[in-house]
Amino acid sequence: PPPAWVPITIILFGIGLPMQVFLVFLGAFYPVLFNTYQGVKDTEPRYIASARVFGASEFTLIKRVYLPNSLSSIVMGVKVGIALGLVMLVVAEMVGAHSGIGWLLVESKDFFRIDRMVVCMLTLGFIGWFLIEVMKYLETKLALWKVGR
């Protein structure tokens, strides 16, 4: 799990912004990578064969076959990446920051400020919900060929 990278990241980068950026990158990158790979892998071989019969180059295959076929998988990976990236951002701020929502959560816990903790959690929930809704909107605009629309 991505939070397990925190000790190694602290050793590699120290405590600070580079550590935080790397942890968010780790949380967000791999879901996108794996879902993109799976979407490309699940492309129907007959689509590829048809495109090749019509003389499609590799670039044309990527643009006209692989990308449209795997876009929903890519968007799903981005949604998961957003969620994990947000979790990793909070974890990174809890461990090695002097500002941010994660830091504020830890400080609020230390001083038993339940009101601030609840506001932080609601804010994180709203940010996550908003980013997922943006991705859903972009998916409806990008995936016009998706079945069931």
Foldseek 3Di string as FASTA:
>chain_A
DLVVCLVVLCVVPNFDDVSLVVSLCVLQPVLLVVLLVVQQVPFDVVVVVVCVVVPDDPVRCVVPGRCLSSVVSNLVSNLSSLVRSLVSNLSSCLVHHPDDLNVQLNVCVVVVVVVSNVVSVVVSVVVSVVVNVVSVVVCVVPNVVDPPD
